[in-house]
Structure formats: C-alpha cells, structure tokens
C-alpha cells in the first residue's frame, strides 16, 4: 500500500503549480507527504473536511475545499478513508472579478 501512496503523491506533485501534497487517514494521521508541505497539517485538514461534511450530510459526492491566501491555494478533498491535501502556488496573485 505504501508504494501505491508514493506513486499517487509523485503524480500529484508533478502537476502544474503544485508545490506539495499530503494524504491523511480518517484519524488525521499523515500517510505520506511530498514537496513543500508540513505533515502536521494533516489533522487540521481532516478536521476541516469533517466540518464541511456536516454542511450537506446527504450528498454522495465528496466536497472539495479550496482555501486561498495571496498566490497560494490549499485544496482539501476527502474520499472514503483518505483525505488529500494539495498546495498550489500560482505565479500571479489570485484576484476577484469586480463585477
């Protein structure tokens, strides 16, 4: 199983703008991390994921949570027993449309 997780993490961190990726179990323990990401965020990301699940408990599709800060983005998605956390960084800061 560990080799499969390593393969998935390697595939994720090679994606454009991705600077780090982490996989956590249902207790929030880090199963693996690659790139520029702190393994200690696994518990926080899992807790955020659980809270979002409570917003719409009858939805069968897992929620995707996006947190933005300047030119960085944190994407969190829980799928079954595993939660994925991906850090992305764009070359220009994200701006909101002023419409």
PDB file of N, CA and C in Angstrom:
ATOM      1  N   UNK A   1       0.818  -1.200   0.000  1.00  0.00           N
ATOM      2  CA  UNK A   1       0.000   0.000   0.000  1.00  0.00           C
ATOM      3  C   UNK A   1       0.859   1.260   0.000  1.00  0.00           C
ATOM      4  N   UNK A   2       1.973   1.203   0.713  1.00  0.00           N
ATOM      5  CA  UNK A   2       2.843   2.367   0.792  1.00  0.00           C
ATOM      6  C   UNK A   2       3.386   2.768  -0.579  1.00  0.00           C
ATOM      7  N   UNK A   3       3.697   1.783  -1.408  1.00  0.00           N
ATOM      8  CA  UNK A   3       4.195   2.086  -2.749  1.00  0.00           C
ATOM      9  C   UNK A   3       3.129   2.764  -3.594  1.00  0.00           C
ATOM     10  N   UNK A   4       1.876   2.358  -3.430  1.00  0.00           N
ATOM     11  CA  UNK A   4       0.780   2.986  -4.170  1.00  0.00           C
ATOM     12  C   UNK A   4       0.608   4.437  -3.743  1.00  0.00           C
ATOM     13  N   UNK A   5       0.706   4.690  -2.428  1.00  0.00           N
ATOM     14  CA  UNK A   5       0.596   6.064  -1.937  1.00  0.00           C
ATOM     15  C   UNK A   5       1.731   6.928  -2.480  1.00  0.00           C
ATOM     16  N   UNK A   6       2.946   6.385  -2.481  1.00  0.00           N
ATOM     17  CA  UNK A   6       4.096   7.117  -3.019  1.00  0.00           C
ATOM     18  C   UNK A   6       3.890   7.445  -4.493  1.00  0.00           C
ATOM     19  N   UNK A   7       3.355   6.495  -5.243  1.00  0.00           N
ATOM     20  CA  UNK A   7       3.110   6.710  -6.671  1.00  0.00           C
ATOM     21  C   UNK A   7       2.090   7.826  -6.874  1.00  0.00           C
ATOM     22  N   UNK A   8       1.011   7.795  -6.097  1.00  0.00           N
ATOM     23  CA  UNK A   8      -0.025   8.825  -6.205  1.00  0.00           C
ATOM     24  C   UNK A   8       0.548  10.189  -5.845  1.00  0.00           C
ATOM     25  N   UNK A   9       1.293  10.266  -4.759  1.00  0.00           N
ATOM     26  CA  UNK A   9       1.890  11.541  -4.347  1.00  0.00           C
ATOM     27  C   UNK A   9       2.852  12.067  -5.408  1.00  0.00           C
ATOM     28  N   UNK A  10       3.648  11.190  -5.993  1.00  0.00           N
ATOM     29  CA  UNK A  10       4.575  11.612  -7.056  1.00  0.00           C
ATOM     30  C   UNK A  10       3.823  12.169  -8.261  1.00  0.00           C
ATOM     31  N   UNK A  11       2.716  11.525  -8.616  1.00  0.00           N
ATOM     32  CA  UNK A  11       1.905  12.010  -9.744  1.00  0.00           C
ATOM     33  C   UNK A  11       1.298  13.379  -9.440  1.00  0.00           C
ATOM     34  N   UNK A  12       0.863  13.570  -8.209  1.00  0.00           N
ATOM     35  CA  UNK A  12       0.238  14.844  -7.834  1.00  0.00           C
ATOM     36  C   UNK A  12       1.239  15.986  -7.869  1.00  0.00           C
ATOM     37  N   UNK A  13       2.413  15.790  -7.262  1.00  0.00           N
ATOM     38  CA  UNK A  13       3.374  16.895  -7.166  1.00  0.00           C
ATOM     39  C   UNK A  13       4.002  17.265  -8.506  1.00  0.00           C
ATOM     40  N   UNK A  14       3.841  16.421  -9.521  1.00  0.00           N
ATOM     41  CA  UNK A  14       4.364  16.783 -10.835  1.00  0.00           C
ATOM     42  C   UNK A  14       3.367  17.625 -11.640  1.00  0.00           C
ATOM     43  N   UNK A  15       2.165  17.818 -11.113  1.00  0.00           N
ATOM     44  CA  UNK A  15       1.167  18.638 -11.803  1.00  0.00           C
ATOM     45  C   UNK A  15       1.566  20.114 -11.751  1.00  0.00           C
ATOM     46  N   UNK A  16       1.149  20.850 -12.751  1.00  0.00           N
ATOM     47  CA  UNK A  16       1.489  22.265 -12.856  1.00  0.00           C
ATOM     48  C   UNK A  16       1.029  23.038 -11.627  1.00  0.00           C
ATOM     49  N   UNK A  17       1.859  23.934 -11.118  1.00  0.00           N
ATOM     50  CA  UNK A  17       1.614  24.820  -9.982  1.00  0.00           C
ATOM     51  C   UNK A  17       1.554  24.105  -8.637  1.00  0.00           C
ATOM     52  N   UNK A  18       1.701  22.785  -8.598  1.00  0.00           N
ATOM     53  CA  UNK A  18       1.635  22.052  -7.335  1.00  0.00           C
ATOM     54  C   UNK A  18       2.992  22.115  -6.641  1.00  0.00           C
ATOM     55  N   UNK A  19       2.976  22.526  -5.370  1.00  0.00           N
ATOM     56  CA  UNK A  19       4.226  22.601  -4.614  1.00  0.00           C
ATOM     57  C   UNK A  19       4.308  21.550  -3.512  1.00  0.00           C
ATOM     58  N   UNK A  20       3.167  20.935  -3.151  1.00  0.00           N
ATOM     59  CA  UNK A  20       3.185  19.908  -2.123  1.00  0.00           C
ATOM     60  C   UNK A  20       1.880  19.141  -2.075  1.00  0.00           C
ATOM     61  N   UNK A  21       1.952  17.907  -1.589  1.00  0.00           N
ATOM     62  CA  UNK A  21       0.764  17.068  -1.470  1.00  0.00           C
ATOM     63  C   UNK A  21       0.914  16.164  -0.257  1.00  0.00           C
ATOM     64  N   UNK A  22      -0.238  15.850   0.347  1.00  0.00           N
ATOM     65  CA  UNK A  22      -0.248  15.032   1.545  1.00  0.00           C
ATOM     66  C   UNK A  22      -1.487  14.159   1.543  1.00  0.00           C
ATOM     67  N   UNK A  23      -1.378  12.948   2.055  1.00  0.00           N
ATOM     68  CA  UNK A  23      -2.527  12.060   2.217  1.00  0.00           C
ATOM     69  C   UNK A  23      -2.646  11.724   3.696  1.00  0.00           C
ATOM     70  N   UNK A  24      -3.880  11.786   4.219  1.00  0.00           N
ATOM     71  CA  UNK A  24      -4.125  11.522   5.637  1.00  0.00           C
ATOM     72  C   UNK A  24      -5.207  10.457   5.781  1.00  0.00           C
ATOM     73  N   UNK A  25      -5.154   9.714   6.887  1.00  0.00           N
ATOM     74  CA  UNK A  25      -6.192   8.722   7.155  1.00  0.00           C
ATOM     75  C   UNK A  25      -7.363   9.373   7.895  1.00  0.00           C
ATOM     76  N   UNK A  26      -8.362   8.592   8.261  1.00  0.00           N
ATOM     77  CA  UNK A  26      -9.566   9.165   8.871  1.00  0.00           C
ATOM     78  C   UNK A  26      -9.317   9.748  10.257  1.00  0.00           C
ATOM     79  N   UNK A  27      -8.212   9.374  10.906  1.00  0.00           N
ATOM     80  CA  UNK A  27      -7.865   9.967  12.199  1.00  0.00           C
ATOM     81  C   UNK A  27      -7.044  11.248  12.040  1.00  0.00           C
ATOM     82  N   UNK A  28      -6.718  11.596  10.808  1.00  0.00           N
ATOM     83  CA  UNK A  28      -5.924  12.793  10.566  1.00  0.00           C
ATOM     84  C   UNK A  28      -4.427  12.559  10.630  1.00  0.00           C
ATOM     85  N   UNK A  29      -4.011  11.307  10.629  1.00  0.00           N
ATOM     86  CA  UNK A  29      -2.583  10.998  10.651  1.00  0.00           C
ATOM     87  C   UNK A  29      -2.028  10.993   9.233  1.00  0.00           C
ATOM     88  N   UNK A  30      -0.869  11.585   9.067  1.00  0.00           N
ATOM     89  CA  UNK A  30      -0.237  11.682   7.754  1.00  0.00           C
ATOM     90  C   UNK A  30       0.218  10.304   7.281  1.00  0.00           C
ATOM     91  N   UNK A  31      -0.261   9.913   6.103  1.00  0.00           N
ATOM     92  CA  UNK A  31       0.148   8.648   5.498  1.00  0.00           C
ATOM     93  C   UNK A  31       1.351   8.832   4.586  1.00  0.00           C
ATOM     94  N   UNK A  32       1.512  10.053   4.087  1.00  0.00           N
ATOM     95  CA  UNK A  32       2.624  10.352   3.203  1.00  0.00           C
ATOM     96  C   UNK A  32       2.552  11.785   2.735  1.00  0.00           C
ATOM     97  N   UNK A  33       3.702  12.377   2.472  1.00  0.00           N
ATOM     98  CA  UNK A  33       3.765  13.764   2.006  1.00  0.00           C
ATOM     99  C   UNK A  33       4.916  13.906   1.027  1.00  0.00           C
ATOM    100  N   UNK A  34       4.734  14.786   0.057  1.00  0.00           N
ATOM    101  CA  UNK A  34       5.771  15.080  -0.940  1.00  0.00           C
ATOM    102  C   UNK A  34       5.787  16.574  -1.193  1.00  0.00           C
ATOM    103  N   UNK A  35       6.950  17.099  -1.456  1.00  0.00           N
ATOM    104  CA  UNK A  35       7.072  18.506  -1.805  1.00  0.00           C
ATOM    105  C   UNK A  35       7.089  19.401  -0.579  1.00  0.00           C
ATOM    106  N   UNK A  36       6.737  20.644  -0.792  1.00  0.00           N
ATOM    107  CA  UNK A  36       6.791  21.661   0.247  1.00  0.00           C
ATOM    108  C   UNK A  36       5.458  21.719   1.000  1.00  0.00           C
ATOM    109  N   UNK A  37       5.271  20.790   1.940  1.00  0.00           N
ATOM    110  CA  UNK A  37       4.053  20.721   2.748  1.00  0.00           C
ATOM    111  C   UNK A  37       4.430  20.145   4.114  1.00  0.00           C
ATOM    112  N   UNK A  38       3.871  20.716   5.152  1.00  0.00           N
ATOM    113  CA  UNK A  38       4.143  20.279   6.517  1.00  0.00           C
ATOM    114  C   UNK A  38       3.227  19.104   6.864  1.00  0.00           C
ATOM    115  N   UNK A  39       3.763  17.951   7.226  1.00  0.00           N
ATOM    116  CA  UNK A  39       2.921  16.801   7.569  1.00  0.00           C
ATOM    117  C   UNK A  39       1.968  17.067   8.733  1.00  0.00           C
ATOM    118  N   UNK A  40       2.263  18.063   9.551  1.00  0.00           N
ATOM    119  CA  UNK A  40       1.402  18.384  10.696  1.00  0.00           C
ATOM    120  C   UNK A  40       0.061  18.994  10.297  1.00  0.00           C
ATOM    121  N   UNK A  41      -0.101  19.409   9.046  1.00  0.00           N
ATOM    122  CA  UNK A  41      -1.390  19.971   8.619  1.00  0.00           C
ATOM    123  C   UNK A  41      -2.430  18.886   8.384  1.00  0.00           C
ATOM    124  N   UNK A  42      -2.031  17.624   8.431  1.00  0.00           N
ATOM    125  CA  UNK A  42      -2.970  16.536   8.140  1.00  0.00           C
ATOM    126  C   UNK A  42      -4.160  16.540   9.089  1.00  0.00           C
ATOM    127  N   UNK A  43      -3.938  16.737  10.369  1.00  0.00           N
ATOM    128  CA  UNK A  43      -5.031  16.753  11.345  1.00  0.00           C
ATOM    129  C   UNK A  43      -5.962  17.929  11.151  1.00  0.00           C
ATOM    130  N   UNK A  44      -5.405  19.100  10.867  1.00  0.00           N
ATOM    131  CA  UNK A  44      -6.215  20.298  10.643  1.00  0.00           C
ATOM    132  C   UNK A  44      -7.076  20.131   9.396  1.00  0.00           C
ATOM    133  N   UNK A  45      -6.473  19.622   8.329  1.00  0.00           N
ATOM    134  CA  UNK A  45      -7.214  19.425   7.080  1.00  0.00           C
ATOM    135  C   UNK A  45      -8.331  18.401   7.267  1.00  0.00           C
ATOM    136  N   UNK A  46      -8.072  17.353   8.014  1.00  0.00           N
ATOM    137  CA  UNK A  46      -9.098  16.346   8.276  1.00  0.00           C
ATOM    138  C   UNK A  46     -10.240  16.951   9.069  1.00  0.00           C
ATOM    139  N   UNK A  47      -9.935  17.780  10.059  1.00  0.00           N
ATOM    140  CA  UNK A  47     -10.968  18.430  10.864  1.00  0.00           C
ATOM    141  C   UNK A  47     -11.825  19.364  10.007  1.00  0.00           C
ATOM    142  N   UNK A  48     -11.190  20.115   9.102  1.00  0.00           N
ATOM    143  CA  UNK A  48     -11.932  20.988   8.188  1.00  0.00           C
ATOM    144  C   UNK A  48     -12.851  20.154   7.304  1.00  0.00           C
ATOM    145  N   UNK A  49     -12.330  19.067   6.788  1.00  0.00           N
ATOM    146  CA  UNK A  49     -13.110  18.176   5.929  1.00  0.00           C
ATOM    147  C   UNK A  49     -14.344  17.630   6.656  1.00  0.00           C
ATOM    148  N   UNK A  50     -14.172  17.225   7.894  1.00  0.00           N
ATOM    149  CA  UNK A  50     -15.299  16.699   8.682  1.00  0.00           C
ATOM    150  C   UNK A  50     -16.370  17.769   8.906  1.00  0.00           C
ATOM    151  N   UNK A  51     -15.938  18.996   9.155  1.00  0.00           N
ATOM    152  CA  UNK A  51     -16.901  20.079   9.372  1.00  0.00           C
ATOM    153  C   UNK A  51     -17.683  20.385   8.098  1.00  0.00           C
ATOM    154  N   UNK A  52     -17.019  20.361   6.963  1.00  0.00           N
ATOM    155  CA  UNK A  52     -17.690  20.608   5.687  1.00  0.00           C
ATOM    156  C   UNK A  52     -18.684  19.489   5.384  1.00  0.00           C
ATOM    157  N   UNK A  53     -18.351  18.260   5.743  1.00  0.00           N
ATOM    158  CA  UNK A  53     -19.277  17.137   5.557  1.00  0.00           C
ATOM    159  C   UNK A  53     -20.600  17.372   6.282  1.00  0.00           C
ATOM    160  N   UNK A  54     -20.548  18.063   7.404  1.00  0.00           N
ATOM    161  CA  UNK A  54     -21.756  18.329   8.192  1.00  0.00           C
ATOM    162  C   UNK A  54     -22.680  19.341   7.524  1.00  0.00           C
ATOM    163  N   UNK A  55     -22.148  20.153   6.615  1.00  0.00           N
ATOM    164  CA  UNK A  55     -22.974  21.153   5.934  1.00  0.00           C
ATOM    165  C   UNK A  55     -24.013  20.508   5.029  1.00  0.00           C
ATOM    166  N   UNK A  56     -23.623  19.440   4.357  1.00  0.00           N
ATOM    167  CA  UNK A  56     -24.528  18.708   3.469  1.00  0.00           C
ATOM    168  C   UNK A  56     -24.315  17.212   3.672  1.00  0.00           C
ATOM    169  N   UNK A  57     -24.899  16.656   4.739  1.00  0.00           N
ATOM    170  CA  UNK A  57     -24.615  15.261   5.091  1.00  0.00           C
ATOM    171  C   UNK A  57     -25.176  14.219   4.119  1.00  0.00           C
ATOM    172  N   UNK A  58     -26.137  14.572   3.290  1.00  0.00           N
ATOM    173  CA  UNK A  58     -26.763  13.587   2.402  1.00  0.00           C
ATOM    174  C   UNK A  58     -26.207  13.591   0.986  1.00  0.00           C
ATOM    175  N   UNK A  59     -25.131  14.291   0.756  1.00  0.00           N
ATOM    176  CA  UNK A  59     -24.515  14.360  -0.572  1.00  0.00           C
ATOM    177  C   UNK A  59     -23.561  13.175  -0.736  1.00  0.00           C
ATOM    178  N   UNK A  60     -23.645  12.506  -1.879  1.00  0.00           N
ATOM    179  CA  UNK A  60     -22.797  11.337  -2.117  1.00  0.00           C
ATOM    180  C   UNK A  60     -21.445  11.696  -2.734  1.00  0.00           C
ATOM    181  N   UNK A  61     -21.328  12.876  -3.290  1.00  0.00           N
ATOM    182  CA  UNK A  61     -20.078  13.319  -3.908  1.00  0.00           C
ATOM    183  C   UNK A  61     -19.246  14.046  -2.848  1.00  0.00           C
ATOM    184  N   UNK A  62     -17.971  13.677  -2.691  1.00  0.00           N
ATOM    185  CA  UNK A  62     -17.149  14.338  -1.676  1.00  0.00           C
ATOM    186  C   UNK A  62     -16.935  15.817  -1.998  1.00  0.00           C
ATOM    187  N   UNK A  63     -16.987  16.629  -0.958  1.00  0.00           N
ATOM    188  CA  UNK A  63     -16.775  18.070  -1.123  1.00  0.00           C
ATOM    189  C   UNK A  63     -15.308  18.362  -1.401  1.00  0.00           C
ATOM    190  N   UNK A  64     -15.074  19.417  -2.160  1.00  0.00           N
ATOM    191  CA  UNK A  64     -13.729  19.917  -2.389  1.00  0.00           C
ATOM    192  C   UNK A  64     -13.631  21.275  -1.729  1.00  0.00           C
ATOM    193  N   UNK A  65     -12.670  21.447  -0.837  1.00  0.00           N
ATOM    194  CA  UNK A  65     -12.492  22.686  -0.094  1.00  0.00           C
ATOM    195  C   UNK A  65     -11.273  23.395  -0.658  1.00  0.00           C
ATOM    196  N   UNK A  66     -11.438  24.679  -0.999  1.00  0.00           N
ATOM    197  CA  UNK A  66     -10.321  25.476  -1.506  1.00  0.00           C
ATOM    198  C   UNK A  66     -10.107  26.660  -0.580  1.00  0.00           C
ATOM    199  N   UNK A  67      -8.896  26.782  -0.069  1.00  0.00           N
ATOM    200  CA  UNK A  67      -8.520  27.903   0.785  1.00  0.00           C
ATOM    201  C   UNK A  67      -7.488  28.726   0.017  1.00  0.00           C
ATOM    202  N   UNK A  68      -7.719  30.034  -0.065  1.00  0.00           N
ATOM    203  CA  UNK A  68      -6.836  30.913  -0.820  1.00  0.00           C
ATOM    204  C   UNK A  68      -6.127  31.890   0.109  1.00  0.00           C
ATOM    205  N   UNK A  69      -4.869  32.169  -0.187  1.00  0.00           N
ATOM    206  CA  UNK A  69      -4.102  33.181   0.533  1.00  0.00           C
ATOM    207  C   UNK A  69      -3.056  33.735  -0.430  1.00  0.00           C
ATOM    208  N   UNK A  70      -3.296  34.949  -0.908  1.00  0.00           N
ATOM    209  CA  UNK A  70      -2.372  35.547  -1.871  1.00  0.00           C
ATOM    210  C   UNK A  70      -2.275  34.710  -3.119  1.00  0.00           C
ATOM    211  N   UNK A  71      -1.067  34.261  -3.442  1.00  0.00           N
ATOM    212  CA  UNK A  71      -0.891  33.438  -4.639  1.00  0.00           C
ATOM    213  C   UNK A  71      -0.821  31.945  -4.311  1.00  0.00           C
ATOM    214  N   UNK A  72      -1.249  31.585  -3.105  1.00  0.00           N
ATOM    215  CA  UNK A  72      -1.240  30.177  -2.704  1.00  0.00           C
ATOM    216  C   UNK A  72      -2.660  29.654  -2.542  1.00  0.00           C
ATOM    217  N   UNK A  73      -2.808  28.364  -2.769  1.00  0.00           N
ATOM    218  CA  UNK A  73      -4.115  27.723  -2.656  1.00  0.00           C
ATOM    219  C   UNK A  73      -3.922  26.355  -2.002  1.00  0.00           C
ATOM    220  N   UNK A  74      -4.822  26.022  -1.081  1.00  0.00           N
ATOM    221  CA  UNK A  74      -4.827  24.722  -0.434  1.00  0.00           C
ATOM    222  C   UNK A  74      -6.132  24.034  -0.814  1.00  0.00           C
ATOM    223  N   UNK A  75      -6.038  22.874  -1.434  1.00  0.00           N
ATOM    224  CA  UNK A  75      -7.211  22.121  -1.861  1.00  0.00           C
ATOM    225  C   UNK A  75      -7.298  20.862  -0.992  1.00  0.00           C
ATOM    226  N   UNK A  76      -8.475  20.661  -0.376  1.00  0.00           N
ATOM    227  CA  UNK A  76      -8.690  19.516   0.508  1.00  0.00           C
ATOM    228  C   UNK A  76      -9.874  18.720  -0.018  1.00  0.00           C
ATOM    229  N   UNK A  77      -9.702  17.412  -0.131  1.00  0.00           N
ATOM    230  CA  UNK A  77     -10.821  16.564  -0.535  1.00  0.00           C
ATOM    231  C   UNK A  77     -10.717  15.217   0.163  1.00  0.00           C
ATOM    232  N   UNK A  78     -11.840  14.827   0.764  1.00  0.00           N
ATOM    233  CA  UNK A  78     -11.922  13.532   1.435  1.00  0.00           C
ATOM    234  C   UNK A  78     -12.631  12.566   0.500  1.00  0.00           C
ATOM    235  N   UNK A  79     -12.069  11.376   0.371  1.00  0.00           N
ATOM    236  CA  UNK A  79     -12.702  10.342  -0.450  1.00  0.00           C
ATOM    237  C   UNK A  79     -12.605   9.032   0.323  1.00  0.00           C
ATOM    238  N   UNK A  80     -13.700   8.655   0.955  1.00  0.00           N
ATOM    239  CA  UNK A  80     -13.698   7.443   1.772  1.00  0.00           C
ATOM    240  C   UNK A  80     -12.850   7.617   3.004  1.00  0.00           C
ATOM    241  N   UNK A  81     -11.841   6.765   3.142  1.00  0.00           N
ATOM    242  CA  UNK A  81     -10.973   6.768   4.320  1.00  0.00           C
ATOM    243  C   UNK A  81      -9.784   7.726   4.186  1.00  0.00           C
ATOM    244  N   UNK A  82      -9.568   8.258   3.001  1.00  0.00           N
ATOM    245  CA  UNK A  82      -8.376   9.060   2.727  1.00  0.00           C
ATOM    246  C   UNK A  82      -8.762  10.512   2.441  1.00  0.00           C
ATOM    247  N   UNK A  83      -7.979  11.429   3.010  1.00  0.00           N
ATOM    248  CA  UNK A  83      -8.137  12.851   2.707  1.00  0.00           C
ATOM    249  C   UNK A  83      -6.867  13.326   2.022  1.00  0.00           C
ATOM    250  N   UNK A  84      -7.036  14.019   0.908  1.00  0.00           N
ATOM    251  CA  UNK A  84      -5.908  14.567   0.174  1.00  0.00           C
ATOM    252  C   UNK A  84      -5.810  16.065   0.381  1.00  0.00           C
ATOM    253  N   UNK A  85      -4.599  16.551   0.567  1.00  0.00           N
ATOM    254  CA  UNK A  85      -4.334  17.977   0.724  1.00  0.00           C
ATOM    255  C   UNK A  85      -3.273  18.335  -0.309  1.00  0.00           C
ATOM    256  N   UNK A  86      -3.584  19.324  -1.143  1.00  0.00           N
ATOM    257  CA  UNK A  86      -2.660  19.749  -2.195  1.00  0.00           C
ATOM    258  C   UNK A  86      -2.406  21.239  -2.051  1.00  0.00           C
ATOM    259  N   UNK A  87      -1.145  21.633  -2.038  1.00  0.00           N
ATOM    260  CA  UNK A  87      -0.757  23.041  -2.042  1.00  0.00           C
ATOM    261  C   UNK A  87      -0.379  23.422  -3.461  1.00  0.00           C
ATOM    262  N   UNK A  88      -0.962  24.521  -3.912  1.00  0.00           N
ATOM    263  CA  UNK A  88      -0.637  25.049  -5.240  1.00  0.00           C
ATOM    264  C   UNK A  88      -0.180  26.490  -5.088  1.00  0.00           C
ATOM    265  N   UNK A  89       0.664  26.922  -5.983  1.00  0.00           N
ATOM    266  CA  UNK A  89       1.137  28.305  -5.983  1.00  0.00           C
ATOM    267  C   UNK A  89       1.153  28.799  -7.412  1.00  0.00           C
ATOM    268  N   UNK A  90       0.464  29.904  -7.641  1.00  0.00           N
ATOM    269  CA  UNK A  90       0.443  30.488  -8.976  1.00  0.00           C
ATOM    270  C   UNK A  90       1.493  31.582  -9.060  1.00  0.00           C
ATOM    271  N   UNK A  91       1.849  31.931 -10.280  1.00  0.00           N
ATOM    272  CA  UNK A  91       2.872  32.951 -10.461  1.00  0.00           C
ATOM    273  C   UNK A  91       2.350  34.354 -10.228  1.00  0.00           C
ATOM    274  N   UNK A  92       1.026  34.523 -10.344  1.00  0.00           N
ATOM    275  CA  UNK A  92       0.424  35.827 -10.068  1.00  0.00           C
ATOM    276  C   UNK A  92      -0.670  35.656  -9.028  1.00  0.00           C
ATOM    277  N   UNK A  93      -0.865  36.643  -8.130  1.00  0.00           N
ATOM    278  CA  UNK A  93      -1.887  36.524  -7.104  1.00  0.00           C
ATOM    279  C   UNK A  93      -3.275  36.396  -7.707  1.00  0.00           C
ATOM    280  N   UNK A  94      -4.102  35.600  -7.058  1.00  0.00           N
ATOM    281  CA  UNK A  94      -5.491  35.449  -7.493  1.00  0.00           C
ATOM    282  C   UNK A  94      -6.233  36.755  -7.210  1.00  0.00           C
ATOM    283  N   UNK A  95      -7.019  37.182  -8.160  1.00  0.00           N
ATOM    284  CA  UNK A  95      -7.800  38.390  -7.986  1.00  0.00           C
ATOM    285  C   UNK A  95      -9.263  38.081  -8.207  1.00  0.00           C
ATOM    286  N   UNK A  96     -10.082  38.805  -7.512  1.00  0.00           N
ATOM    287  CA  UNK A  96     -11.516  38.631  -7.655  1.00  0.00           C
ATOM    288  C   UNK A  96     -12.037  39.558  -8.735  1.00  0.00           C
ATOM    289  N   UNK A  97     -12.966  39.085  -9.522  1.00  0.00           N
ATOM    290  CA  UNK A  97     -13.581  39.920 -10.553  1.00  0.00           C
ATOM    291  C   UNK A  97     -14.407  41.003  -9.867  1.00  0.00           C
ATOM    292  N   UNK A  98     -14.333  42.197 -10.366  1.00  0.00           N
ATOM    293  CA  UNK A  98     -15.043  43.315  -9.739  1.00  0.00           C
ATOM    294  C   UNK A  98     -16.347  43.604 -10.427  1.00  0.00           C
ATOM    295  N   UNK A  99     -17.074  42.583 -10.809  1.00  0.00           N
ATOM    296  CA  UNK A  99     -18.389  42.743 -11.460  1.00  0.00           C
ATOM    297  C   UNK A  99     -19.477  42.670 -10.462  1.00  0.00           C
TER     298      UNK A  99
END
